[in-house]
Amino acid sequence: MTLLSIWRVIAPTKARKYVGRKGVYLFMPINGVGLGHLNRCLSVASALKKQEPEAEIVFLTTSIALPIVHRFGFSCHHVTPAALAGADVGPYEWNRLFANTIEEVMSIYRPGKLIFDGSYPYTGLQKVIASYKGKMSFCWIKRGLYKSSVDTDRLAEQLRLFDSVVSPGEISGTDRAGPQSGRALEDGRLHDVNPIYLLEPAEILTRSEAREALALDPKRKVAFVQLGAGNINDIEDLQKTVVEVLQESGFEVVVAKSPISLGESSGGTGADREIVDFPTSRFMNAFDLAVVAGGYNSVCESVVYDVPTIFVPNLSTGSDDQLKRVESVAKAGRFEVIAEFGRDKFSGLVERLTGEELRKREEREGFHFENGAKEAARIISSR
């Protein structure tokens, strides 16, 4: 048994005296390279606050996007992600820091419920769960579509640590909590909900408002480009090519840069407009076409706000199967997929989505469902 394993099961003395407060919720999105987990937690936390106005909601995250959480009106604490903690900080040291920080935040607010959103629970969190089991409840908001390389036995073991698991659906409805989840949780702890997104269609800007806010020509075709933060794959050359092709096709192009991008660009994108904002979904009515990666939130937003989209899935993710997600969605709407990018192929897809094929697809019935954030909030509140 390793030192990390031994440490994980030793409960601190203060855990025995802990009493969590009803109506106090600690949300813990674990983000390193994107905003997906944070976006989902903000969606559920916002829905929970509407349903339970007296609730006290606190965030603790590894995301470097703390100002975003504060703008939504929530207190937020931070733990430096392991990848940025430095070469001298090993797994044991970082997980000890993580667990200690969780406990410090808990000692201040005394939450009765901890809501985790991440690909898997780090050892530091597992220690906290083991120490405080029965003193408070633990929920995992866990999207599906894990890659086949994921260790499903380990995943099933981790699922059983939690008192409840909320599984946001994919737009296509093909997968929820992921491999082995049903076998691991046959006791009613697994709760499937609709896809989760941040802003309702009625909450985003109208077409004229969005175009005015972005200083766009009201008479031109406008395309939106967001290919990710670039923290795990180099998107600079790809992004420039996408912009060039779209401009050659007559589009005014808006490129959204991630507010948590760690890389330094060697130059501009060549776009007509570059924005660094969150959530960019509030501008979606401005666009006639979108070119985005295949992350959970990007796909939900393209579908929910009914924007014809070319998906360029990131194949370098650790566990999220973006290719499977976008291929499934592309069967059911005004969407195309380009997994192996080529300039001519991409140009053809742009023409296809803005020509006769688009008019044919507009006759298809779109997606209509209640935001899963509302149901997730009700489940979390009642457990």
Protein backbone atom coordinates (compact mmCIF):
# COMPACT_ATOMS: atom_id res chain seq x y z
CA MET A 1 0.00 0.00 0.00
CA THR A 2 1.45 3.38 -1.00
CA LEU A 3 1.81 6.39 1.29
CA LEU A 4 -0.95 8.09 -0.69
CA SER A 5 -3.29 5.13 -0.13
CA ILE A 6 -2.59 5.00 3.60
CA TRP A 7 -3.10 8.75 4.01
CA ARG A 8 -6.40 8.61 2.12
CA VAL A 9 -8.10 6.39 4.72
CA ILE A 10 -6.89 8.15 7.89
CA ALA A 11 -9.72 10.38 9.10
CA PRO A 12 -8.78 13.69 10.75
CA THR A 13 -10.01 14.26 14.31
CA LYS A 14 -12.06 17.33 13.35
CA ALA A 15 -14.18 15.24 10.98
CA ARG A 16 -15.73 13.40 13.94
CA LYS A 17 -17.15 16.67 15.31
CA TYR A 18 -18.32 18.10 11.99
CA VAL A 19 -21.95 19.18 11.60
CA GLY A 20 -22.95 20.46 8.16
CA ARG A 21 -25.56 23.19 7.75
CA LYS A 22 -28.72 22.57 5.76
CA GLY A 23 -29.04 24.91 2.79
CA VAL A 24 -25.27 25.41 2.41
CA TYR A 25 -23.79 23.93 -0.78
CA LEU A 26 -20.13 23.60 -1.76
CA PHE A 27 -19.69 23.26 -5.55
CA MET A 28 -16.37 21.84 -6.67
CA PRO A 29 -15.70 21.99 -10.43
CA ILE A 30 -12.31 20.52 -11.31
CA ASN A 31 -11.03 22.27 -14.41
CA GLY A 32 -7.57 22.40 -15.86
CA VAL A 33 -7.72 23.05 -19.61
CA GLY A 34 -11.27 24.25 -20.29
CA LEU A 35 -14.43 25.64 -18.77
CA GLY A 36 -16.77 22.67 -19.14
CA HIS A 37 -17.03 21.55 -15.52
CA LEU A 38 -17.20 25.12 -14.26
CA ASN A 39 -19.90 26.02 -16.79
CA ARG A 40 -22.03 23.06 -15.71
CA CYS A 41 -21.68 23.87 -12.00
CA LEU A 42 -22.60 27.50 -12.63
CA SER A 43 -25.67 26.30 -14.53
CA VAL A 44 -26.84 24.06 -11.68
CA ALA A 45 -25.88 26.53 -8.93
CA SER A 46 -27.82 29.32 -10.67
CA ALA A 47 -30.87 27.07 -11.04
CA LEU A 48 -30.57 26.04 -7.38
CA LYS A 49 -30.42 29.68 -6.25
CA LYS A 50 -33.63 30.42 -8.18
CA GLN A 51 -35.39 27.44 -6.61
CA GLU A 52 -33.99 28.04 -3.13
CA PRO A 53 -33.28 31.80 -2.76
CA GLU A 54 -32.03 31.42 0.84
CA ALA A 55 -29.40 28.88 -0.15
CA GLU A 56 -25.76 29.74 0.54
CA ILE A 57 -23.63 28.58 -2.39
CA VAL A 58 -19.83 28.50 -2.30
CA PHE A 59 -17.35 27.37 -4.96
CA LEU A 60 -13.95 25.75 -4.59
CA THR A 61 -12.22 25.10 -7.89
CA THR A 62 -8.92 24.35 -9.60
CA SER A 63 -10.01 26.52 -12.53
CA ILE A 64 -8.14 29.77 -13.06
CA ALA A 65 -11.44 31.43 -14.01
CA LEU A 66 -12.26 32.71 -10.51
CA PRO A 67 -13.48 36.14 -11.69
CA ILE A 68 -16.21 34.41 -13.72
CA VAL A 69 -17.61 32.73 -10.62
CA HIS A 70 -17.55 36.00 -8.70
CA ARG A 71 -19.43 37.73 -11.54
CA PHE A 72 -22.22 35.21 -11.05
CA GLY A 73 -22.49 36.30 -7.43
CA PHE A 74 -20.92 33.28 -5.72
CA SER A 75 -18.04 33.17 -3.24
CA CYS A 76 -15.14 31.24 -4.73
CA HIS A 77 -11.92 29.72 -3.38
CA HIS A 78 -9.06 28.28 -5.42
CA VAL A 79 -6.57 25.44 -5.42
CA THR A 80 -3.75 25.60 -7.97
CA PRO A 81 -4.25 22.68 -10.38
CA ALA A 82 -1.66 19.93 -10.07
CA ALA A 83 -0.35 20.59 -13.59
CA LEU A 84 0.58 24.16 -12.61
CA ALA A 85 1.80 23.51 -9.07
CA GLY A 86 5.46 23.04 -10.04
CA ALA A 87 7.87 20.17 -10.50
CA ASP A 88 8.57 19.88 -6.77
CA VAL A 89 4.92 19.17 -5.96
CA GLY A 90 4.24 15.45 -6.36
CA PRO A 91 0.88 13.62 -6.19
CA TYR A 92 1.04 13.14 -2.41
CA GLU A 93 1.90 16.79 -1.71
CA TRP A 94 -0.75 18.14 -4.08
CA ASN A 95 -3.52 15.87 -2.84
CA ARG A 96 -2.69 16.79 0.75
CA LEU A 97 -2.93 20.46 -0.23
CA PHE A 98 -6.23 19.77 -2.00
CA ALA A 99 -7.76 17.90 0.94
CA ASN A 100 -6.58 20.49 3.47
CA THR A 101 -8.04 23.31 1.38
CA ILE A 102 -11.39 21.53 1.11
CA GLU A 103 -11.45 21.09 4.88
CA GLU A 104 -10.51 24.73 5.51
CA VAL A 105 -13.35 25.93 3.26
CA MET A 106 -15.71 23.48 4.98
CA SER A 107 -14.68 24.77 8.42
CA ILE A 108 -15.67 28.31 7.39
CA TYR A 109 -19.02 27.63 5.68
CA ARG A 110 -19.95 24.19 7.11
CA PRO A 111 -21.78 22.95 3.98
CA GLY A 112 -24.22 20.09 4.30
CA LYS A 113 -23.67 19.06 0.69
CA LEU A 114 -20.63 18.91 -1.58
CA ILE A 115 -21.24 18.81 -5.34
CA PHE A 116 -18.29 17.66 -7.45
CA ASP A 117 -17.98 17.98 -11.24
CA GLY A 118 -14.89 16.48 -12.81
CA SER A 119 -13.70 13.53 -14.88
CA TYR A 120 -12.68 11.62 -11.75
CA PRO A 121 -12.32 12.40 -8.02
CA TYR A 122 -8.73 13.06 -7.01
CA THR A 123 -7.32 11.25 -4.00
CA GLY A 124 -7.58 14.38 -1.87
CA LEU A 125 -11.33 14.51 -2.43
CA GLN A 126 -11.63 10.77 -1.82
CA LYS A 127 -9.98 11.30 1.57
CA VAL A 128 -12.49 14.02 2.45
CA ILE A 129 -15.38 11.76 1.40
CA ALA A 130 -14.05 8.88 3.50
CA SER A 131 -13.53 11.16 6.51
CA TYR A 132 -16.88 12.97 6.40
CA LYS A 133 -19.15 10.19 5.15
CA GLY A 134 -22.40 10.39 7.09
CA LYS A 135 -21.63 13.94 8.23
CA MET A 136 -22.65 15.49 4.90
CA SER A 137 -23.74 14.26 1.48
CA PHE A 138 -21.61 14.03 -1.65
CA CYS A 139 -22.89 14.33 -5.23
CA TRP A 140 -21.02 13.84 -8.51
CA ILE A 141 -22.32 15.73 -11.57
CA LYS A 142 -20.81 13.48 -14.17
CA ARG A 143 -21.11 13.73 -17.92
CA GLY A 144 -20.73 10.61 -20.04
CA LEU A 145 -19.02 9.74 -23.32
CA TYR A 146 -15.74 8.54 -21.85
CA LYS A 147 -13.16 7.22 -24.27
CA SER A 148 -12.70 3.45 -24.52
CA SER A 149 -9.26 3.81 -22.92
CA VAL A 150 -10.81 4.79 -19.57
CA ASP A 151 -10.44 2.17 -16.79
CA THR A 152 -14.10 1.23 -16.27
CA ASP A 153 -13.48 -0.84 -13.12
CA ARG A 154 -11.79 2.12 -11.45
CA LEU A 155 -14.60 4.38 -12.64
CA ALA A 156 -17.24 2.08 -11.13
CA GLU A 157 -15.36 2.04 -7.82
CA GLN A 158 -15.24 5.85 -7.76
CA LEU A 159 -18.95 6.16 -8.52
CA ARG A 160 -19.78 4.17 -5.41
CA LEU A 161 -18.05 6.75 -3.20
CA PHE A 162 -20.87 9.24 -3.73
CA ASP A 163 -24.32 9.42 -2.16
CA SER A 164 -25.78 10.46 -5.52
CA VAL A 165 -24.66 10.85 -9.13
CA VAL A 166 -26.36 13.29 -11.49
CA SER A 167 -25.80 12.29 -15.10
CA PRO A 168 -26.41 15.06 -17.68
CA GLY A 169 -27.66 13.64 -20.96
CA GLU A 170 -25.99 14.15 -24.30
CA ILE A 171 -28.02 16.02 -26.91
CA SER A 172 -28.46 12.79 -28.86
CA GLY A 173 -29.39 10.89 -25.71
CA THR A 174 -26.88 8.16 -26.52
CA ASP A 175 -24.88 8.13 -23.29
CA ARG A 176 -25.10 9.55 -19.79
CA ALA A 177 -22.95 8.65 -16.80
CA GLY A 178 -20.67 6.53 -18.94
CA PRO A 179 -19.32 2.97 -18.95
CA GLN A 180 -20.20 0.71 -16.02
CA SER A 181 -22.29 3.38 -14.28
CA GLY A 182 -25.49 1.38 -14.32
CA ARG A 183 -23.81 -1.73 -12.91
CA ALA A 184 -22.01 0.34 -10.26
CA LEU A 185 -25.13 2.13 -9.02
CA GLU A 186 -28.16 -0.13 -8.96
CA ASP A 187 -29.51 1.29 -5.69
CA GLY A 188 -31.23 4.46 -6.92
CA ARG A 189 -28.27 6.80 -6.53
CA LEU A 190 -27.93 7.47 -10.28
CA HIS A 191 -30.16 10.25 -11.63
CA ASP A 192 -30.38 10.93 -15.37
CA VAL A 193 -31.26 14.50 -16.32
CA ASN A 194 -31.60 16.40 -19.59
CA PRO A 195 -28.56 18.10 -21.14
CA ILE A 196 -27.31 20.99 -18.99
CA TYR A 197 -26.54 24.44 -20.38
CA LEU A 198 -26.06 27.86 -18.81
CA LEU A 199 -28.43 30.38 -20.44
CA GLU A 200 -31.99 29.79 -21.55
CA PRO A 201 -32.78 30.86 -25.15
CA ALA A 202 -34.95 33.67 -23.76
CA GLU A 203 -32.01 34.97 -21.70
CA ILE A 204 -29.55 35.59 -24.53
CA LEU A 205 -29.36 38.75 -26.62
CA THR A 206 -31.59 39.16 -29.65
CA ARG A 207 -29.97 39.16 -33.09
CA SER A 208 -29.91 42.95 -33.35
CA GLU A 209 -28.73 43.37 -29.74
CA ALA A 210 -25.93 40.82 -30.15
CA ARG A 211 -24.70 42.33 -33.41
CA GLU A 212 -24.75 45.82 -31.95
CA ALA A 213 -22.85 44.64 -28.86
CA LEU A 214 -20.16 43.08 -31.07
CA ALA A 215 -20.10 46.00 -33.54
CA LEU A 216 -21.02 43.70 -36.44
CA ASP A 217 -22.48 44.64 -39.82
CA PRO A 218 -26.23 43.96 -39.55
CA LYS A 219 -26.45 43.09 -43.26
CA ARG A 220 -23.58 40.58 -43.59
CA LYS A 221 -23.37 36.87 -42.88
CA VAL A 222 -21.48 36.35 -39.61
CA ALA A 223 -19.60 33.25 -38.42
CA PHE A 224 -18.53 32.36 -34.89
CA VAL A 225 -15.29 30.43 -34.26
CA GLN A 226 -14.30 28.85 -30.92
CA LEU A 227 -11.88 25.93 -31.16
CA GLY A 228 -10.99 25.64 -27.47
CA ALA A 229 -8.46 27.10 -25.07
CA GLY A 230 -5.48 25.56 -26.86
CA ASN A 231 -4.11 24.26 -23.55
CA ILE A 232 -3.91 20.64 -24.70
CA ASN A 233 -3.69 21.07 -28.48
CA ASP A 234 -2.22 23.74 -30.75
CA ILE A 235 -5.10 25.51 -32.49
CA GLU A 236 -3.34 28.60 -33.88
CA ASP A 237 -2.71 27.45 -37.48
CA LEU A 238 -6.05 25.65 -37.66
CA GLN A 239 -7.87 28.74 -36.42
CA LYS A 240 -6.22 30.99 -39.01
CA THR A 241 -7.16 28.63 -41.83
CA VAL A 242 -10.77 28.45 -40.63
CA VAL A 243 -10.96 32.25 -40.53
CA GLU A 244 -9.48 32.60 -44.04
CA VAL A 245 -11.93 30.13 -45.59
CA LEU A 246 -14.91 31.74 -43.90
CA GLN A 247 -13.87 35.22 -45.06
CA GLU A 248 -13.37 33.94 -48.60
CA SER A 249 -16.94 32.63 -48.38
CA GLY A 250 -18.24 36.10 -47.56
CA PHE A 251 -18.52 35.86 -43.77
CA GLU A 252 -17.64 38.44 -41.20
CA VAL A 253 -15.79 36.34 -38.64
CA VAL A 254 -15.79 36.54 -34.84
CA VAL A 255 -13.18 34.46 -32.98
CA ALA A 256 -13.81 33.78 -29.30
CA LYS A 257 -10.60 33.32 -27.31
CA SER A 258 -10.77 31.40 -24.06
CA PRO A 259 -10.48 33.51 -20.89
CA ILE A 260 -8.28 30.76 -19.41
CA SER A 261 -5.93 30.17 -22.34
CA LEU A 262 -2.38 29.66 -21.07
CA GLY A 263 -0.60 29.95 -24.40
CA GLU A 264 0.78 33.09 -26.00
CA SER A 265 -0.34 33.68 -29.57
CA SER A 266 2.39 34.56 -32.05
CA GLY A 267 -0.03 36.87 -33.82
CA GLY A 268 -3.66 37.67 -34.48
CA THR A 269 -6.21 35.28 -35.90
CA GLY A 270 -7.03 37.48 -38.88
CA ALA A 271 -10.66 37.59 -37.74
CA ASP A 272 -12.81 40.67 -38.14
CA ARG A 273 -13.51 40.62 -34.42
CA GLU A 274 -11.84 38.85 -31.49
CA ILE A 275 -13.56 38.55 -28.12
CA VAL A 276 -12.55 37.23 -24.71
CA ASP A 277 -15.80 36.80 -22.84
CA PHE A 278 -17.93 34.42 -20.80
CA PRO A 279 -20.47 33.21 -21.51
CA THR A 280 -20.17 33.72 -25.26
CA SER A 281 -23.50 31.93 -25.58
CA ARG A 282 -25.28 35.25 -24.95
CA PHE A 283 -24.17 36.36 -28.44
CA MET A 284 -25.27 33.24 -30.35
CA ASN A 285 -28.26 34.88 -32.07
CA ALA A 286 -25.80 37.09 -33.96
CA PHE A 287 -24.40 34.21 -36.00
CA ASP A 288 -25.40 32.45 -39.20
CA LEU A 289 -22.77 29.74 -38.79
CA ALA A 290 -20.53 28.43 -36.01
CA VAL A 291 -17.27 26.48 -36.15
CA VAL A 292 -16.53 25.02 -32.72
CA ALA A 293 -14.82 22.11 -30.98
CA GLY A 294 -16.80 19.12 -29.71
CA GLY A 295 -16.90 19.78 -25.97
CA TYR A 296 -20.12 19.19 -24.07
CA ASN A 297 -21.03 22.85 -23.62
CA SER A 298 -20.21 23.95 -27.17
CA VAL A 299 -22.38 21.19 -28.62
CA CYS A 300 -25.28 21.96 -26.28
CA GLU A 301 -25.14 25.64 -27.14
CA SER A 302 -25.08 25.14 -30.90
CA VAL A 303 -28.12 22.88 -30.68
CA VAL A 304 -30.11 24.78 -28.04
CA TYR A 305 -29.65 28.14 -29.79
CA ASP A 306 -30.21 26.56 -33.22
CA VAL A 307 -27.01 27.69 -34.95
CA PRO A 308 -25.84 25.72 -38.02
CA THR A 309 -22.46 24.38 -36.93
CA ILE A 310 -19.34 22.66 -38.22
CA PHE A 311 -17.78 20.70 -35.36
CA VAL A 312 -14.00 20.26 -35.23
CA PRO A 313 -13.58 17.76 -32.37
CA ASN A 314 -10.46 17.82 -30.24
CA LEU A 315 -9.04 14.31 -30.45
CA SER A 316 -6.34 15.02 -27.82
CA THR A 317 -8.59 15.07 -24.76
CA GLY A 318 -7.78 12.70 -21.92
CA SER A 319 -11.19 11.10 -21.43
CA ASP A 320 -13.93 13.06 -23.24
CA ASP A 321 -14.96 11.40 -26.52
CA GLN A 322 -15.70 14.52 -28.55
CA LEU A 323 -15.74 12.66 -31.86
CA LYS A 324 -18.48 10.30 -30.74
CA ARG A 325 -20.51 13.22 -29.40
CA VAL A 326 -20.46 15.32 -32.55
CA GLU A 327 -20.95 12.40 -34.94
CA SER A 328 -24.11 11.51 -33.04
CA VAL A 329 -25.43 15.08 -33.06
CA ALA A 330 -24.65 15.55 -36.76
CA LYS A 331 -27.22 12.89 -37.66
CA ALA A 332 -30.06 14.93 -36.25
CA GLY A 333 -29.72 18.54 -37.32
CA ARG A 334 -27.98 21.34 -39.19
CA PHE A 335 -24.53 20.16 -38.24
CA GLU A 336 -21.40 18.79 -39.91
CA VAL A 337 -18.24 17.15 -38.55
CA ILE A 338 -14.66 17.43 -39.77
CA ALA A 339 -12.42 15.14 -37.71
CA GLU A 340 -9.40 15.25 -40.06
CA PHE A 341 -9.15 18.86 -41.11
CA GLY A 342 -8.44 19.81 -44.71
CA ARG A 343 -8.90 23.24 -46.25
CA ASP A 344 -10.85 22.04 -49.29
CA LYS A 345 -13.02 19.71 -47.23
CA PHE A 346 -13.81 22.47 -44.77
CA SER A 347 -14.65 24.89 -47.59
CA GLY A 348 -17.07 22.34 -48.99
CA LEU A 349 -18.81 21.98 -45.65
CA VAL A 350 -19.17 25.75 -45.33
CA GLU A 351 -20.80 25.89 -48.75
CA ARG A 352 -23.03 22.95 -47.91
CA LEU A 353 -24.28 24.47 -44.67
CA THR A 354 -25.00 27.85 -46.21
CA GLY A 355 -26.60 26.65 -49.44
CA GLU A 356 -29.46 24.43 -50.55
CA GLU A 357 -28.62 21.73 -48.01
CA LEU A 358 -29.21 24.22 -45.18
CA ARG A 359 -32.66 25.09 -46.48
CA LYS A 360 -33.53 21.39 -46.61
CA ARG A 361 -32.31 20.83 -43.07
CA GLU A 362 -34.34 23.75 -41.75
CA GLU A 363 -37.43 21.67 -42.39
CA ARG A 364 -36.33 19.13 -39.78
CA GLU A 365 -37.71 19.31 -36.27
CA GLY A 366 -35.24 20.74 -33.76
CA PHE A 367 -34.44 19.72 -30.20
CA HIS A 368 -36.84 20.77 -27.46
CA PHE A 369 -36.24 19.89 -23.79
CA GLU A 370 -36.11 21.47 -20.36
CA ASN A 371 -32.67 22.50 -19.21
CA GLY A 372 -31.29 19.63 -17.12
CA ALA A 373 -29.80 22.16 -14.67
CA LYS A 374 -33.27 22.66 -13.16
CA GLU A 375 -33.79 18.96 -12.53
CA ALA A 376 -30.24 18.55 -11.24
CA ALA A 377 -30.82 21.38 -8.75
CA ARG A 378 -34.02 19.75 -7.51
CA ILE A 379 -32.24 16.41 -7.01
CA ILE A 380 -29.31 18.01 -5.15
CA SER A 381 -31.63 20.04 -2.93
CA SER A 382 -33.73 17.03 -1.98
CA ARG A 383 -30.95 14.58 -1.22
